[in-house]
Amino acid sequence: MNAKNESGGNIYRPYMMRVVDIRDEAPGVRTLRLEFLDEAQAAAFRFEAGQFGLYSIFGEGECAFCIASPPTRRGYIECTFREAGRVTRALMRVEIGETIGFRGPYGNVFPVDEWRGRNLLFVAGGIALPPMRCVIWNCLDRREEFGDVTIVYGARTVDDLVYKHELKEWAERPDVNLITTVDPGGETPDWRGKVGFVPTVLDQAGVSPDNAVAVVCGPPIMIKFTIPVLEKAGFAPQNIYTTLENRMKCGLGKCGRCNVGAVYVCKEGPVFRLDELRALPDEY
């Protein structure tokens, strides 16, 4: 699914992108909206939900994030990241109007077209909502093609919830069932959502596997305890999807950092079904 890079035929050469909007989502978490400097490149660019890119700051380096905006919204892309190292600190310093690099899209995709007519369950934790956001909006922008849509999202504290403005929008939609939760002790006096860990809240929600697919993104510990809840509810492994992104670096299967056995996460992934994950060596 890797798209051609139209910035001169060199797969390592990034597109030049202008920062046109900046939003602070949570402490240390920021979203950048990027537009192509070259209008022809903007018109030719295509990607699908689940793919990622490499975002670069000149003189600092580059790092891999998902594309957090949906492919149904053309003319720009967005990335959401947590300040954690040299490149993300540099990304935190950029201002509107500045230019950064982007190369991609890379990786495989969520099979959204195959989900037509099915019920959708999205389960996310903390900073893992950005890759989920892309596919959620992809499906909501094509809402008539799907059945019930349920979103279960949690974070450590109320402040740590990202995309608060969009959570409010989803909560107000009659065609979306949104369940938000924070860890015990992370609530505030005015919090009206659930209090509890995501797997527990998901178990209490009594979700149905009938004609449904589930997408799970979150910290490894959250995924570890969420998968048994889904299987207990009756979800088959081939109907459970997740993404693996924490070890990707080059995006092209060259550096070897993300390989698990014979699989390169940046090429065969980052989207995997549970049955595919279970075929990988235990090292992941």
C-alpha atoms as a PDB file:
ATOM      1  CA  MET A   1       0.000   0.000   0.000  1.00  0.00           C
ATOM      2  CA  ASN A   2       3.000   2.328   0.021  1.00  0.00           C
ATOM      3  CA  ALA A   3       2.114   5.275  -2.205  1.00  0.00           C
ATOM      4  CA  LYS A   4       4.480   6.788  -4.732  1.00  0.00           C
ATOM      5  CA  ASN A   5       6.320   9.832  -3.510  1.00  0.00           C
ATOM      6  CA  GLU A   6       5.752  12.469  -6.172  1.00  0.00           C
ATOM      7  CA  SER A   7       8.427  14.799  -4.763  1.00  0.00           C
ATOM      8  CA  GLY A   8      10.964  13.841  -7.418  1.00  0.00           C
ATOM      9  CA  GLY A   9      10.904  10.031  -7.419  1.00  0.00           C
ATOM     10  CA  ASN A  10      13.243   9.671  -4.419  1.00  0.00           C
ATOM     11  CA  ILE A  11      11.473   7.658  -1.718  1.00  0.00           C
ATOM     12  CA  TYR A  12      13.675   9.243   0.961  1.00  0.00           C
ATOM     13  CA  ARG A  13      12.920  12.806  -0.095  1.00  0.00           C
ATOM     14  CA  PRO A  14      10.176  14.377   2.027  1.00  0.00           C
ATOM     15  CA  TYR A  15       7.330  16.566   0.924  1.00  0.00           C
ATOM     16  CA  MET A  16       7.627  20.138   2.125  1.00  0.00           C
ATOM     17  CA  MET A  17       4.718  20.948   4.422  1.00  0.00           C
ATOM     18  CA  ARG A  18       3.586  24.244   5.922  1.00  0.00           C
ATOM     19  CA  VAL A  19       2.233  24.287   9.475  1.00  0.00           C
ATOM     20  CA  VAL A  20      -1.177  25.973   9.204  1.00  0.00           C
ATOM     21  CA  ASP A  21      -2.690  25.182  12.611  1.00  0.00           C
ATOM     22  CA  ILE A  22      -1.531  24.085  16.060  1.00  0.00           C
ATOM     23  CA  ARG A  23      -3.729  22.645  18.816  1.00  0.00           C
ATOM     24  CA  ASP A  24      -2.707  21.597  22.307  1.00  0.00           C
ATOM     25  CA  GLU A  25      -4.659  18.444  23.123  1.00  0.00           C
ATOM     26  CA  ALA A  26      -3.338  17.539  26.590  1.00  0.00           C
ATOM     27  CA  PRO A  27      -0.241  18.268  28.685  1.00  0.00           C
ATOM     28  CA  GLY A  28       2.712  17.635  26.378  1.00  0.00           C
ATOM     29  CA  VAL A  29       0.468  16.517  23.492  1.00  0.00           C
ATOM     30  CA  ARG A  30       0.017  18.628  20.368  1.00  0.00           C
ATOM     31  CA  THR A  31      -1.634  18.387  16.949  1.00  0.00           C
ATOM     32  CA  LEU A  32      -0.155  19.985  13.829  1.00  0.00           C
ATOM     33  CA  ARG A  33      -2.170  20.550  10.678  1.00  0.00           C
ATOM     34  CA  LEU A  34       0.053  20.499   7.603  1.00  0.00           C
ATOM     35  CA  GLU A  35      -0.555  21.612   4.032  1.00  0.00           C
ATOM     36  CA  PHE A  36       1.608  20.877   0.989  1.00  0.00           C
ATOM     37  CA  LEU A  37       3.718  23.746  -0.323  1.00  0.00           C
ATOM     38  CA  ASP A  38       3.354  22.288  -3.820  1.00  0.00           C
ATOM     39  CA  GLU A  39      -0.266  22.347  -5.051  1.00  0.00           C
ATOM     40  CA  ALA A  40       0.355  19.588  -7.605  1.00  0.00           C
ATOM     41  CA  GLN A  41       1.668  17.295  -4.871  1.00  0.00           C
ATOM     42  CA  ALA A  42      -1.345  18.120  -2.737  1.00  0.00           C
ATOM     43  CA  ALA A  43      -3.712  17.173  -5.572  1.00  0.00           C
ATOM     44  CA  ALA A  44      -1.910  13.874  -6.234  1.00  0.00           C
ATOM     45  CA  PHE A  45      -1.468  12.784  -2.601  1.00  0.00           C
ATOM     46  CA  ARG A  46      -3.518   9.816  -1.403  1.00  0.00           C
ATOM     47  CA  PHE A  47      -3.480   7.702   1.739  1.00  0.00           C
ATOM     48  CA  GLU A  48      -5.775   5.341   3.642  1.00  0.00           C
ATOM     49  CA  ALA A  49      -6.727   5.000   7.301  1.00  0.00           C
ATOM     50  CA  GLY A  50      -4.012   3.283   9.306  1.00  0.00           C
ATOM     51  CA  GLN A  51      -1.017   4.491   7.324  1.00  0.00           C
ATOM     52  CA  PHE A  52       1.788   6.550   8.831  1.00  0.00           C
ATOM     53  CA  GLY A  53       4.536   8.947   7.827  1.00  0.00           C
ATOM     54  CA  LEU A  54       7.902  10.304   8.898  1.00  0.00           C
ATOM     55  CA  TYR A  55       7.810  13.911  10.121  1.00  0.00           C
ATOM     56  CA  SER A  56      11.108  15.793  10.059  1.00  0.00           C
ATOM     57  CA  ILE A  57      12.601  18.930  11.533  1.00  0.00           C
ATOM     58  CA  PHE A  58      15.641  20.161   9.643  1.00  0.00           C
ATOM     59  CA  GLY A  59      18.799  19.681  11.691  1.00  0.00           C
ATOM     60  CA  GLU A  60      17.023  17.588  14.320  1.00  0.00           C
ATOM     61  CA  GLY A  61      15.853  14.390  12.620  1.00  0.00           C
ATOM     62  CA  GLU A  62      12.566  12.645  11.910  1.00  0.00           C
ATOM     63  CA  CYS A  63      10.159  10.354  13.711  1.00  0.00           C
ATOM     64  CA  ALA A  64       7.240   8.125  12.757  1.00  0.00           C
ATOM     65  CA  PHE A  65       3.620   8.922  13.615  1.00  0.00           C
ATOM     66  CA  CYS A  66       0.309   7.851  12.197  1.00  0.00           C
ATOM     67  CA  ILE A  67      -1.616  10.243   9.992  1.00  0.00           C
ATOM     68  CA  ALA A  68      -4.275  11.334  12.470  1.00  0.00           C
ATOM     69  CA  SER A  69      -6.661  12.986  10.005  1.00  0.00           C
ATOM     70  CA  PRO A  70      -8.964  10.905   7.772  1.00  0.00           C
ATOM     71  CA  PRO A  71      -8.470  10.339   4.032  1.00  0.00           C
ATOM     72  CA  THR A  72     -12.007  11.603   3.493  1.00  0.00           C
ATOM     73  CA  ARG A  73     -10.760  15.148   4.206  1.00  0.00           C
ATOM     74  CA  ARG A  74      -8.446  16.310   1.476  1.00  0.00           C
ATOM     75  CA  GLY A  75      -5.962  19.166   1.205  1.00  0.00           C
ATOM     76  CA  TYR A  76      -4.152  18.623   4.515  1.00  0.00           C
ATOM     77  CA  ILE A  77      -2.892  16.020   6.944  1.00  0.00           C
ATOM     78  CA  GLU A  78      -2.621  16.134  10.721  1.00  0.00           C
ATOM     79  CA  CYS A  79      -0.295  14.480  13.199  1.00  0.00           C
ATOM     80  CA  THR A  80      -0.641  14.278  16.959  1.00  0.00           C
ATOM     81  CA  PHE A  81       2.356  13.543  19.150  1.00  0.00           C
ATOM     82  CA  ARG A  82       3.599  13.567  22.718  1.00  0.00           C
ATOM     83  CA  GLU A  83       6.804  15.440  23.555  1.00  0.00           C
ATOM     84  CA  ALA A  84       9.239  12.664  24.369  1.00  0.00           C
ATOM     85  CA  GLY A  85      12.621  13.177  22.692  1.00  0.00           C
ATOM     86  CA  ARG A  86      14.765  15.376  20.484  1.00  0.00           C
ATOM     87  CA  VAL A  87      12.518  15.441  17.411  1.00  0.00           C
ATOM     88  CA  THR A  88       9.247  15.825  19.276  1.00  0.00           C
ATOM     89  CA  ARG A  89      10.755  18.634  21.355  1.00  0.00           C
ATOM     90  CA  ALA A  90      11.695  20.345  18.084  1.00  0.00           C
ATOM     91  CA  LEU A  91       8.189  19.773  16.714  1.00  0.00           C
ATOM     92  CA  MET A  92       6.827  21.420  19.841  1.00  0.00           C
ATOM     93  CA  ARG A  93       8.801  24.549  18.979  1.00  0.00           C
ATOM     94  CA  VAL A  94       7.478  25.028  15.436  1.00  0.00           C
ATOM     95  CA  GLU A  95       5.098  27.885  14.784  1.00  0.00           C
ATOM     96  CA  ILE A  96       2.330  28.495  12.273  1.00  0.00           C
ATOM     97  CA  GLY A  97       3.807  29.309   8.878  1.00  0.00           C
ATOM     98  CA  GLU A  98       6.996  27.293   9.346  1.00  0.00           C
ATOM     99  CA  THR A  99       7.976  24.411   7.045  1.00  0.00           C
ATOM    100  CA  ILE A 100       8.651  20.834   8.091  1.00  0.00           C
ATOM    101  CA  GLY A 101       9.167  17.628   6.134  1.00  0.00           C
ATOM    102  CA  PHE A 102       6.846  14.673   5.653  1.00  0.00           C
ATOM    103  CA  ARG A 103       7.474  11.444   3.780  1.00  0.00           C
ATOM    104  CA  GLY A 104       4.958   8.713   3.244  1.00  0.00           C
ATOM    105  CA  PRO A 105       2.375   7.323   3.378  1.00  0.00           C
ATOM    106  CA  TYR A 106       3.774   3.985   4.487  1.00  0.00           C
ATOM    107  CA  GLY A 107       2.346   0.756   5.806  1.00  0.00           C
ATOM    108  CA  ASN A 108      -0.867  -1.167   5.358  1.00  0.00           C
ATOM    109  CA  VAL A 109      -4.385   0.002   6.154  1.00  0.00           C
ATOM    110  CA  PHE A 110      -7.571  -0.700   8.058  1.00  0.00           C
ATOM    111  CA  PRO A 111      -9.892  -2.553   5.614  1.00  0.00           C
ATOM    112  CA  VAL A 112     -12.673  -0.007   5.958  1.00  0.00           C
ATOM    113  CA  ASP A 113     -14.396  -1.053   2.731  1.00  0.00           C
ATOM    114  CA  GLU A 114     -14.645  -4.633   4.016  1.00  0.00           C
ATOM    115  CA  TRP A 115     -16.461  -3.352   7.108  1.00  0.00           C
ATOM    116  CA  ARG A 116     -19.447  -1.986   5.195  1.00  0.00           C
ATOM    117  CA  GLY A 117     -22.698  -3.029   6.822  1.00  0.00           C
ATOM    118  CA  ARG A 118     -21.003  -4.116  10.051  1.00  0.00           C
ATOM    119  CA  ASN A 119     -21.115  -2.717  13.591  1.00  0.00           C
ATOM    120  CA  LEU A 120     -17.910  -0.991  14.691  1.00  0.00           C
ATOM    121  CA  LEU A 121     -16.316  -0.954  18.142  1.00  0.00           C
ATOM    122  CA  PHE A 122     -13.326   1.326  18.764  1.00  0.00           C
ATOM    123  CA  VAL A 123     -11.363   0.939  22.015  1.00  0.00           C
ATOM    124  CA  ALA A 124      -8.539   3.382  22.731  1.00  0.00           C
ATOM    125  CA  GLY A 125      -6.373   4.492  25.624  1.00  0.00           C
ATOM    126  CA  GLY A 126      -4.465   7.741  26.173  1.00  0.00           C
ATOM    127  CA  ILE A 127      -2.250   9.004  23.349  1.00  0.00           C
ATOM    128  CA  ALA A 128      -3.304   6.005  21.215  1.00  0.00           C
ATOM    129  CA  LEU A 129      -6.485   7.781  20.151  1.00  0.00           C
ATOM    130  CA  PRO A 130      -4.744   9.558  17.188  1.00  0.00           C
ATOM    131  CA  PRO A 131      -4.424   6.436  14.973  1.00  0.00           C
ATOM    132  CA  MET A 132      -7.968   5.556  16.019  1.00  0.00           C
ATOM    133  CA  ARG A 133      -9.178   9.068  15.210  1.00  0.00           C
ATOM    134  CA  CYS A 134      -8.186   8.634  11.562  1.00  0.00           C
ATOM    135  CA  VAL A 135     -10.305   5.530  11.066  1.00  0.00           C
ATOM    136  CA  ILE A 136     -13.158   6.796  13.273  1.00  0.00           C
ATOM    137  CA  TRP A 137     -13.592   9.942  11.195  1.00  0.00           C
ATOM    138  CA  ASN A 138     -13.134   7.910   8.009  1.00  0.00           C
ATOM    139  CA  CYS A 139     -16.130   5.825   9.050  1.00  0.00           C
ATOM    140  CA  LEU A 140     -18.192   8.706  10.423  1.00  0.00           C
ATOM    141  CA  ASP A 141     -17.705  10.649   7.185  1.00  0.00           C
ATOM    142  CA  ARG A 142     -19.211   7.576   5.473  1.00  0.00           C
ATOM    143  CA  ARG A 143     -21.671   6.962   8.304  1.00  0.00           C
ATOM    144  CA  GLU A 144     -24.488   5.505   6.184  1.00  0.00           C
ATOM    145  CA  GLU A 145     -22.273   2.561   5.174  1.00  0.00           C
ATOM    146  CA  PHE A 146     -21.961   1.109   8.688  1.00  0.00           C
ATOM    147  CA  GLY A 147     -24.110  -0.185  11.510  1.00  0.00           C
ATOM    148  CA  ASP A 148     -23.755   0.799  15.161  1.00  0.00           C
ATOM    149  CA  VAL A 149     -20.639   2.763  16.123  1.00  0.00           C
ATOM    150  CA  THR A 150     -19.350   2.489  19.703  1.00  0.00           C
ATOM    151  CA  ILE A 151     -16.251   4.288  20.973  1.00  0.00           C
ATOM    152  CA  VAL A 152     -14.684   3.421  24.338  1.00  0.00           C
ATOM    153  CA  TYR A 153     -11.865   5.778  25.258  1.00  0.00           C
ATOM    154  CA  GLY A 154      -9.948   6.267  28.483  1.00  0.00           C
ATOM    155  CA  ALA A 155      -6.940   8.077  29.895  1.00  0.00           C
ATOM    156  CA  ARG A 156      -5.179   8.356  33.232  1.00  0.00           C
ATOM    157  CA  THR A 157      -6.797  11.703  34.095  1.00  0.00           C
ATOM    158  CA  VAL A 158      -9.357  14.086  32.654  1.00  0.00           C
ATOM    159  CA  ASP A 159      -6.537  16.391  31.524  1.00  0.00           C
ATOM    160  CA  ASP A 160      -4.905  13.513  29.621  1.00  0.00           C
ATOM    161  CA  LEU A 161      -7.927  12.948  27.374  1.00  0.00           C
ATOM    162  CA  VAL A 162      -6.996  14.124  23.876  1.00  0.00           C
ATOM    163  CA  TYR A 163      -9.293  15.669  21.237  1.00  0.00           C
ATOM    164  CA  LYS A 164     -11.637  16.959  23.930  1.00  0.00           C
ATOM    165  CA  HIS A 165     -13.533  19.096  21.408  1.00  0.00           C
ATOM    166  CA  GLU A 166     -14.148  16.046  19.219  1.00  0.00           C
ATOM    167  CA  LEU A 167     -15.117  13.864  22.161  1.00  0.00           C
ATOM    168  CA  LYS A 168     -17.826  16.415  22.895  1.00  0.00           C
ATOM    169  CA  GLU A 169     -18.965  16.294  19.273  1.00  0.00           C
ATOM    170  CA  TRP A 170     -19.082  12.485  19.249  1.00  0.00           C
ATOM    171  CA  ALA A 171     -20.983  12.452  22.556  1.00  0.00           C
ATOM    172  CA  GLU A 172     -23.646  14.723  21.061  1.00  0.00           C
ATOM    173  CA  ARG A 173     -24.141  12.632  17.922  1.00  0.00           C
ATOM    174  CA  PRO A 174     -27.225  10.371  18.060  1.00  0.00           C
ATOM    175  CA  ASP A 175     -25.524   7.843  15.767  1.00  0.00           C
ATOM    176  CA  VAL A 176     -22.480   7.300  18.029  1.00  0.00           C
ATOM    177  CA  ASN A 177     -22.285   5.591  21.424  1.00  0.00           C
ATOM    178  CA  LEU A 178     -19.331   7.196  23.221  1.00  0.00           C
ATOM    179  CA  ILE A 179     -18.075   5.881  26.567  1.00  0.00           C
ATOM    180  CA  THR A 180     -15.244   7.851  28.185  1.00  0.00           C
ATOM    181  CA  THR A 181     -13.406   6.861  31.339  1.00  0.00           C
ATOM    182  CA  VAL A 182     -10.469   7.911  33.488  1.00  0.00           C
ATOM    183  CA  ASP A 183      -8.391   5.813  35.861  1.00  0.00           C
ATOM    184  CA  PRO A 184      -9.420   5.777  39.521  1.00  0.00           C
ATOM    185  CA  GLY A 185      -8.162   9.003  41.093  1.00  0.00           C
ATOM    186  CA  GLY A 186      -7.973  10.779  37.739  1.00  0.00           C
ATOM    187  CA  GLU A 187     -11.458  12.257  37.867  1.00  0.00           C
ATOM    188  CA  THR A 188     -12.370  15.860  38.661  1.00  0.00           C
ATOM    189  CA  PRO A 189     -15.439  17.101  40.622  1.00  0.00           C
ATOM    190  CA  ASP A 190     -17.280  17.933  37.387  1.00  0.00           C
ATOM    191  CA  TRP A 191     -16.382  14.704  35.542  1.00  0.00           C
ATOM    192  CA  ARG A 192     -19.503  12.971  34.161  1.00  0.00           C
ATOM    193  CA  GLY A 193     -17.865   9.985  32.480  1.00  0.00           C
ATOM    194  CA  LYS A 194     -16.897   6.596  33.862  1.00  0.00           C
ATOM    195  CA  VAL A 195     -14.158   5.969  36.407  1.00  0.00           C
ATOM    196  CA  GLY A 196     -12.196   2.786  35.852  1.00  0.00           C
ATOM    197  CA  PHE A 197      -9.624   1.147  33.623  1.00  0.00           C
ATOM    198  CA  VAL A 198     -10.569   0.700  29.980  1.00  0.00           C
ATOM    199  CA  PRO A 199     -10.794  -3.132  30.020  1.00  0.00           C
ATOM    200  CA  THR A 200     -13.071  -3.034  33.072  1.00  0.00           C
ATOM    201  CA  VAL A 201     -15.328  -0.365  31.602  1.00  0.00           C
ATOM    202  CA  LEU A 202     -15.463  -2.250  28.294  1.00  0.00           C
ATOM    203  CA  ASP A 203     -16.466  -5.435  30.116  1.00  0.00           C
ATOM    204  CA  GLN A 204     -19.229  -3.571  31.944  1.00  0.00           C
ATOM    205  CA  ALA A 205     -20.517  -2.095  28.666  1.00  0.00           C
ATOM    206  CA  GLY A 206     -21.653  -5.519  27.476  1.00  0.00           C
ATOM    207  CA  VAL A 207     -20.627  -5.026  23.854  1.00  0.00           C
ATOM    208  CA  SER A 208     -21.952  -7.473  21.269  1.00  0.00           C
ATOM    209  CA  PRO A 209     -19.800  -9.319  18.719  1.00  0.00           C
ATOM    210  CA  ASP A 210     -22.733  -9.829  16.345  1.00  0.00           C
ATOM    211  CA  ASN A 211     -21.741  -8.651  12.860  1.00  0.00           C
ATOM    212  CA  ALA A 212     -19.064  -6.499  14.504  1.00  0.00           C
ATOM    213  CA  VAL A 213     -15.375  -5.687  14.254  1.00  0.00           C
ATOM    214  CA  ALA A 214     -13.286  -4.217  17.049  1.00  0.00           C
ATOM    215  CA  VAL A 215     -10.270  -1.905  16.756  1.00  0.00           C
ATOM    216  CA  VAL A 216      -7.989  -1.611  19.800  1.00  0.00           C
ATOM    217  CA  CYS A 217      -5.205   0.978  20.208  1.00  0.00           C
ATOM    218  CA  GLY A 218      -3.455   1.797  23.443  1.00  0.00           C
ATOM    219  CA  PRO A 219      -0.514   1.108  25.726  1.00  0.00           C
ATOM    220  CA  PRO A 220       0.614  -2.535  25.580  1.00  0.00           C
ATOM    221  CA  ILE A 221      -0.729  -3.206  29.068  1.00  0.00           C
ATOM    222  CA  MET A 222      -4.164  -1.908  28.054  1.00  0.00           C
ATOM    223  CA  ILE A 223      -4.211  -4.045  24.922  1.00  0.00           C
ATOM    224  CA  LYS A 224      -3.079  -7.088  26.910  1.00  0.00           C
ATOM    225  CA  PHE A 225      -6.074  -6.861  29.250  1.00  0.00           C
ATOM    226  CA  THR A 226      -8.581  -5.662  26.630  1.00  0.00           C
ATOM    227  CA  ILE A 227      -8.152  -8.585  24.219  1.00  0.00           C
ATOM    228  CA  PRO A 228      -9.450 -11.175  26.751  1.00  0.00           C
ATOM    229  CA  VAL A 229     -12.503  -8.993  27.389  1.00  0.00           C
ATOM    230  CA  LEU A 230     -13.290  -8.916  23.678  1.00  0.00           C
ATOM    231  CA  GLU A 231     -12.768 -12.658  23.296  1.00  0.00           C
ATOM    232  CA  LYS A 232     -14.945 -13.353  26.338  1.00  0.00           C
ATOM    233  CA  ALA A 233     -17.641 -11.233  24.694  1.00  0.00           C
ATOM    234  CA  GLY A 234     -17.396 -13.462  21.610  1.00  0.00           C
ATOM    235  CA  PHE A 235     -15.197 -11.510  19.199  1.00  0.00           C
ATOM    236  CA  ALA A 236     -13.202 -13.850  16.951  1.00  0.00           C
ATOM    237  CA  PRO A 237      -9.481 -13.065  16.489  1.00  0.00           C
ATOM    238  CA  GLN A 238     -10.006 -12.233  12.799  1.00  0.00           C
ATOM    239  CA  ASN A 239     -12.462  -9.498  13.827  1.00  0.00           C
ATOM    240  CA  ILE A 240     -10.064  -7.733  16.235  1.00  0.00           C
ATOM    241  CA  TYR A 241      -7.594  -5.190  14.817  1.00  0.00           C
ATOM    242  CA  THR A 242      -4.781  -3.193  16.396  1.00  0.00           C
ATOM    243  CA  THR A 243      -1.700  -1.209  15.359  1.00  0.00           C
ATOM    244  CA  LEU A 244       1.969  -1.624  16.293  1.00  0.00           C
ATOM    245  CA  GLU A 245       3.949   1.590  15.908  1.00  0.00           C
ATOM    246  CA  ASN A 246       6.393   1.950  18.779  1.00  0.00           C
ATOM    247  CA  ARG A 247       9.416   0.394  17.028  1.00  0.00           C
ATOM    248  CA  MET A 248       9.160   1.881  13.534  1.00  0.00           C
ATOM    249  CA  LYS A 249      11.946   4.167  12.336  1.00  0.00           C
ATOM    250  CA  CYS A 250      12.804   4.224   8.615  1.00  0.00           C
ATOM    251  CA  GLY A 251       9.336   3.347   7.283  1.00  0.00           C
ATOM    252  CA  LEU A 252      10.787   1.342   4.411  1.00  0.00           C
ATOM    253  CA  GLY A 253      11.900  -1.955   5.907  1.00  0.00           C
ATOM    254  CA  LYS A 254      15.579  -1.011   5.573  1.00  0.00           C
ATOM    255  CA  CYS A 255      16.815  -0.332   9.096  1.00  0.00           C
ATOM    256  CA  GLY A 256      15.506  -3.548  10.649  1.00  0.00           C
ATOM    257  CA  ARG A 257      14.446  -1.914  13.888  1.00  0.00           C
ATOM    258  CA  CYS A 258      10.825  -3.036  13.673  1.00  0.00           C
ATOM    259  CA  ASN A 259      11.254  -6.578  12.383  1.00  0.00           C
ATOM    260  CA  VAL A 260       9.594  -9.380  14.328  1.00  0.00           C
ATOM    261  CA  GLY A 261      10.790 -12.666  12.919  1.00  0.00           C
ATOM    262  CA  ALA A 262      10.298 -12.353   9.162  1.00  0.00           C
ATOM    263  CA  VAL A 263       7.776  -9.500   9.493  1.00  0.00           C
ATOM    264  CA  TYR A 264       8.607  -5.812   9.177  1.00  0.00           C
ATOM    265  CA  VAL A 265       5.990  -3.819  11.068  1.00  0.00           C
ATOM    266  CA  CYS A 266       6.484  -0.757   8.851  1.00  0.00           C
ATOM    267  CA  LYS A 267       5.690  -2.797   5.714  1.00  0.00           C
ATOM    268  CA  GLU A 268       3.416  -5.693   6.723  1.00  0.00           C
ATOM    269  CA  GLY A 269       1.875  -3.455   9.402  1.00  0.00           C
ATOM    270  CA  PRO A 270       1.290  -1.336  11.354  1.00  0.00           C
ATOM    271  CA  VAL A 271      -2.287  -2.689  11.195  1.00  0.00           C
ATOM    272  CA  PHE A 272      -2.657  -6.305  12.289  1.00  0.00           C
ATOM    273  CA  ARG A 273      -5.536  -8.613  13.109  1.00  0.00           C
ATOM    274  CA  LEU A 274      -5.270 -10.546  16.352  1.00  0.00           C
ATOM    275  CA  ASP A 275      -4.838 -13.856  14.525  1.00  0.00           C
ATOM    276  CA  GLU A 276      -1.921 -12.319  12.590  1.00  0.00           C
ATOM    277  CA  LEU A 277      -0.335 -11.043  15.798  1.00  0.00           C
ATOM    278  CA  ARG A 278      -0.517 -14.463  17.393  1.00  0.00           C
ATOM    279  CA  ALA A 279       1.459 -15.890  14.481  1.00  0.00           C
ATOM    280  CA  LEU A 280       4.390 -13.573  15.291  1.00  0.00           C
ATOM    281  CA  PRO A 281       7.269 -14.638  17.562  1.00  0.00           C
ATOM    282  CA  ASP A 282       6.812 -13.862  21.255  1.00  0.00           C
ATOM    283  CA  GLU A 283       9.577 -11.224  21.097  1.00  0.00           C
ATOM    284  CA  TYR A 284       7.042  -8.528  20.245  1.00  0.00           C
END
